Amino acid sequence: MAKFNRKVARDRRHTRIRRRVAGTESRPRLSVFRSLTNVYAQIIDDTKGITLVSASSLDEEIKKAADGKKKVDVSKMVGALVAKRAKEKGVTMVAFDRGGFKYHGRVKALAEAVREQGLKF
């Protein structure tokens, strides 16, 4: 019998979500990934298989401003940055893919920051 593993459970949830959530040209997918230290967001057109926009806590403009801040606050900055870049590319609506993570904490903060910038889910 296999031992319960948190990563395996997240991968199962993500696979289940990806069966239903797909990005199109008119409504690309906003994919979120969080590691222990960083958070990453991409807006992806799955029909063409390309990433339209991306932002992460490793970007220079966020890295400078994030010094000494909490992870949730950094996630808000990443959400605002990815939304700003998406608007510059003409994206107004996205399908939210939380990547198998619970809609809580850093994932929720990123999503709310994206909504505040005007992108619709």
C-alpha atoms as a PDB file:
ATOM      1  CA  MET A   1       0.000   0.000   0.000  1.00  0.00           C
ATOM      2  CA  ALA A   2       1.353   3.409  -0.980  1.00  0.00           C
ATOM      3  CA  LYS A   3       2.012   5.934   1.747  1.00  0.00           C
ATOM      4  CA  PHE A   4      -0.038   9.132   1.502  1.00  0.00           C
ATOM      5  CA  ASN A   5       2.035  11.851  -0.069  1.00  0.00           C
ATOM      6  CA  ARG A   6       1.058  15.520  -0.194  1.00  0.00           C
ATOM      7  CA  LYS A   7       2.613  16.022  -3.635  1.00  0.00           C
ATOM      8  CA  VAL A   8       0.782  13.033  -5.091  1.00  0.00           C
ATOM      9  CA  ALA A   9      -2.511  14.353  -3.721  1.00  0.00           C
ATOM     10  CA  ARG A  10      -1.870  17.792  -5.237  1.00  0.00           C
ATOM     11  CA  ASP A  11      -0.968  16.233  -8.584  1.00  0.00           C
ATOM     12  CA  ARG A  12      -4.240  14.276  -8.555  1.00  0.00           C
ATOM     13  CA  ARG A  13      -6.239  17.434  -7.794  1.00  0.00           C
ATOM     14  CA  HIS A  14      -4.386  19.321 -10.524  1.00  0.00           C
ATOM     15  CA  THR A  15      -5.077  16.578 -13.079  1.00  0.00           C
ATOM     16  CA  ARG A  16      -8.765  16.647 -12.128  1.00  0.00           C
ATOM     17  CA  ILE A  17      -8.877  20.434 -12.516  1.00  0.00           C
ATOM     18  CA  ARG A  18      -7.031  20.368 -15.866  1.00  0.00           C
ATOM     19  CA  ARG A  19      -9.628  18.018 -17.326  1.00  0.00           C
ATOM     20  CA  ARG A  20     -12.150  20.844 -17.086  1.00  0.00           C
ATOM     21  CA  VAL A  21     -10.061  24.033 -17.293  1.00  0.00           C
ATOM     22  CA  ALA A  22      -8.411  24.855 -20.600  1.00  0.00           C
ATOM     23  CA  GLY A  23      -7.261  28.138 -22.045  1.00  0.00           C
ATOM     24  CA  THR A  24      -8.502  29.383 -25.390  1.00  0.00           C
ATOM     25  CA  GLU A  25      -7.531  32.375 -27.476  1.00  0.00           C
ATOM     26  CA  SER A  26     -10.466  34.427 -26.181  1.00  0.00           C
ATOM     27  CA  ARG A  27     -10.146  33.172 -22.579  1.00  0.00           C
ATOM     28  CA  PRO A  28      -6.620  31.973 -21.732  1.00  0.00           C
ATOM     29  CA  ARG A  29      -5.794  30.028 -18.568  1.00  0.00           C
ATOM     30  CA  LEU A  30      -4.223  31.730 -15.549  1.00  0.00           C
ATOM     31  CA  SER A  31      -2.031  29.022 -14.041  1.00  0.00           C
ATOM     32  CA  VAL A  32      -0.658  29.430 -10.513  1.00  0.00           C
ATOM     33  CA  PHE A  33       2.196  27.508  -8.916  1.00  0.00           C
ATOM     34  CA  ARG A  34       3.595  28.098  -5.477  1.00  0.00           C
ATOM     35  CA  SER A  35       6.697  26.646  -3.956  1.00  0.00           C
ATOM     36  CA  LEU A  36       7.829  27.033  -0.369  1.00  0.00           C
ATOM     37  CA  THR A  37       9.580  30.307  -1.154  1.00  0.00           C
ATOM     38  CA  ASN A  38       8.177  31.671  -4.430  1.00  0.00           C
ATOM     39  CA  VAL A  39       4.962  32.037  -6.386  1.00  0.00           C
ATOM     40  CA  TYR A  40       4.606  31.888 -10.172  1.00  0.00           C
ATOM     41  CA  ALA A  41       1.730  32.888 -12.470  1.00  0.00           C
ATOM     42  CA  GLN A  42       1.357  32.321 -16.212  1.00  0.00           C
ATOM     43  CA  ILE A  43      -1.369  33.146 -18.682  1.00  0.00           C
ATOM     44  CA  ILE A  44      -1.463  30.356 -21.241  1.00  0.00           C
ATOM     45  CA  ASP A  45      -3.274  29.799 -24.543  1.00  0.00           C
ATOM     46  CA  ASP A  46      -3.640  26.003 -24.588  1.00  0.00           C
ATOM     47  CA  THR A  47      -4.937  25.846 -28.163  1.00  0.00           C
ATOM     48  CA  LYS A  48      -1.648  27.229 -29.505  1.00  0.00           C
ATOM     49  CA  GLY A  49       0.445  25.905 -26.625  1.00  0.00           C
ATOM     50  CA  ILE A  50       2.076  29.241 -25.815  1.00  0.00           C
ATOM     51  CA  THR A  51       2.549  31.338 -22.698  1.00  0.00           C
ATOM     52  CA  LEU A  52       1.228  34.831 -23.309  1.00  0.00           C
ATOM     53  CA  VAL A  53       2.391  36.463 -20.075  1.00  0.00           C
ATOM     54  CA  SER A  54       4.190  35.391 -16.922  1.00  0.00           C
ATOM     55  CA  ALA A  55       5.258  36.858 -13.593  1.00  0.00           C
ATOM     56  CA  SER A  56       6.866  35.475 -10.485  1.00  0.00           C
ATOM     57  CA  SER A  57       8.312  36.541  -7.192  1.00  0.00           C
ATOM     58  CA  LEU A  58      11.733  36.128  -8.822  1.00  0.00           C
ATOM     59  CA  ASP A  59      11.154  39.040 -11.252  1.00  0.00           C
ATOM     60  CA  GLU A  60      13.541  41.906 -10.556  1.00  0.00           C
ATOM     61  CA  GLU A  61      10.863  44.550  -9.958  1.00  0.00           C
ATOM     62  CA  ILE A  62       9.096  42.357  -7.389  1.00  0.00           C
ATOM     63  CA  LYS A  63      12.273  41.042  -5.802  1.00  0.00           C
ATOM     64  CA  LYS A  64      13.388  44.574  -4.930  1.00  0.00           C
ATOM     65  CA  ALA A  65      10.021  45.597  -3.480  1.00  0.00           C
ATOM     66  CA  ALA A  66       9.446  42.290  -1.659  1.00  0.00           C
ATOM     67  CA  ASP A  67      12.418  42.506   0.669  1.00  0.00           C
ATOM     68  CA  GLY A  68      11.166  41.865   4.207  1.00  0.00           C
ATOM     69  CA  LYS A  69       7.499  41.394   3.241  1.00  0.00           C
ATOM     70  CA  LYS A  70       5.278  38.419   3.964  1.00  0.00           C
ATOM     71  CA  LYS A  71       4.672  35.771   1.308  1.00  0.00           C
ATOM     72  CA  VAL A  72       1.000  36.735   0.985  1.00  0.00           C
ATOM     73  CA  ASP A  73       1.958  40.338   0.231  1.00  0.00           C
ATOM     74  CA  VAL A  74       4.473  39.176  -2.376  1.00  0.00           C
ATOM     75  CA  SER A  75       1.745  37.044  -3.971  1.00  0.00           C
ATOM     76  CA  LYS A  76      -0.459  40.130  -4.245  1.00  0.00           C
ATOM     77  CA  MET A  77       2.358  41.933  -6.056  1.00  0.00           C
ATOM     78  CA  VAL A  78       2.777  38.996  -8.466  1.00  0.00           C
ATOM     79  CA  GLY A  79      -0.975  38.988  -9.159  1.00  0.00           C
ATOM     80  CA  ALA A  80      -0.980  42.714  -9.863  1.00  0.00           C
ATOM     81  CA  LEU A  81       2.041  42.393 -12.169  1.00  0.00           C
ATOM     82  CA  VAL A  82       0.651  39.487 -14.197  1.00  0.00           C
ATOM     83  CA  ALA A  83      -2.671  41.321 -14.582  1.00  0.00           C
ATOM     84  CA  LYS A  84      -0.915  44.493 -15.712  1.00  0.00           C
ATOM     85  CA  ARG A  85       1.101  42.563 -18.295  1.00  0.00           C
ATOM     86  CA  ALA A  86      -2.027  40.732 -19.470  1.00  0.00           C
ATOM     87  CA  LYS A  87      -3.904  43.989 -20.005  1.00  0.00           C
ATOM     88  CA  GLU A  88      -0.996  45.283 -22.081  1.00  0.00           C
ATOM     89  CA  LYS A  89      -1.406  42.178 -24.303  1.00  0.00           C
ATOM     90  CA  GLY A  90      -5.160  42.756 -24.565  1.00  0.00           C
ATOM     91  CA  VAL A  91      -6.330  39.921 -22.289  1.00  0.00           C
ATOM     92  CA  THR A  92      -9.443  40.776 -20.260  1.00  0.00           C
ATOM     93  CA  MET A  93     -10.873  37.371 -19.276  1.00  0.00           C
ATOM     94  CA  VAL A  94      -9.089  34.286 -17.965  1.00  0.00           C
ATOM     95  CA  ALA A  95      -9.906  30.807 -16.700  1.00  0.00           C
ATOM     96  CA  PHE A  96      -8.364  30.348 -13.240  1.00  0.00           C
ATOM     97  CA  ASP A  97      -6.249  27.221 -12.681  1.00  0.00           C
ATOM     98  CA  ARG A  98      -5.172  27.006  -9.053  1.00  0.00           C
ATOM     99  CA  GLY A  99      -2.806  24.134  -9.816  1.00  0.00           C
ATOM    100  CA  GLY A 100      -4.276  21.723  -7.275  1.00  0.00           C
ATOM    101  CA  PHE A 101      -3.563  24.096  -4.399  1.00  0.00           C
ATOM    102  CA  LYS A 102      -6.301  25.097  -1.977  1.00  0.00           C
ATOM    103  CA  TYR A 103      -7.914  28.469  -2.695  1.00  0.00           C
ATOM    104  CA  HIS A 104      -6.428  29.913   0.455  1.00  0.00           C
ATOM    105  CA  GLY A 105      -3.507  32.059   1.531  1.00  0.00           C
ATOM    106  CA  ARG A 106      -1.071  32.932  -1.254  1.00  0.00           C
ATOM    107  CA  VAL A 107      -3.203  31.505  -4.082  1.00  0.00           C
ATOM    108  CA  LYS A 108      -6.236  33.475  -2.899  1.00  0.00           C
ATOM    109  CA  ALA A 109      -4.171  36.656  -2.491  1.00  0.00           C
ATOM    110  CA  LEU A 110      -2.842  36.348  -6.040  1.00  0.00           C
ATOM    111  CA  ALA A 111      -6.339  35.737  -7.460  1.00  0.00           C
ATOM    112  CA  GLU A 112      -7.834  38.699  -5.625  1.00  0.00           C
ATOM    113  CA  ALA A 113      -5.019  40.981  -6.788  1.00  0.00           C
ATOM    114  CA  VAL A 114      -5.659  39.908 -10.385  1.00  0.00           C
ATOM    115  CA  ARG A 115      -9.367  40.689  -9.977  1.00  0.00           C
ATOM    116  CA  GLU A 116      -8.599  44.104  -8.467  1.00  0.00           C
ATOM    117  CA  GLN A 117      -6.565  44.956 -11.578  1.00  0.00           C
ATOM    118  CA  GLY A 118      -9.608  44.298 -13.762  1.00  0.00           C
ATOM    119  CA  LEU A 119      -9.189  40.769 -15.144  1.00  0.00           C
ATOM    120  CA  LYS A 120     -12.364  38.682 -15.006  1.00  0.00           C
ATOM    121  CA  PHE A 121     -12.547  34.977 -14.131  1.00  0.00           C
END
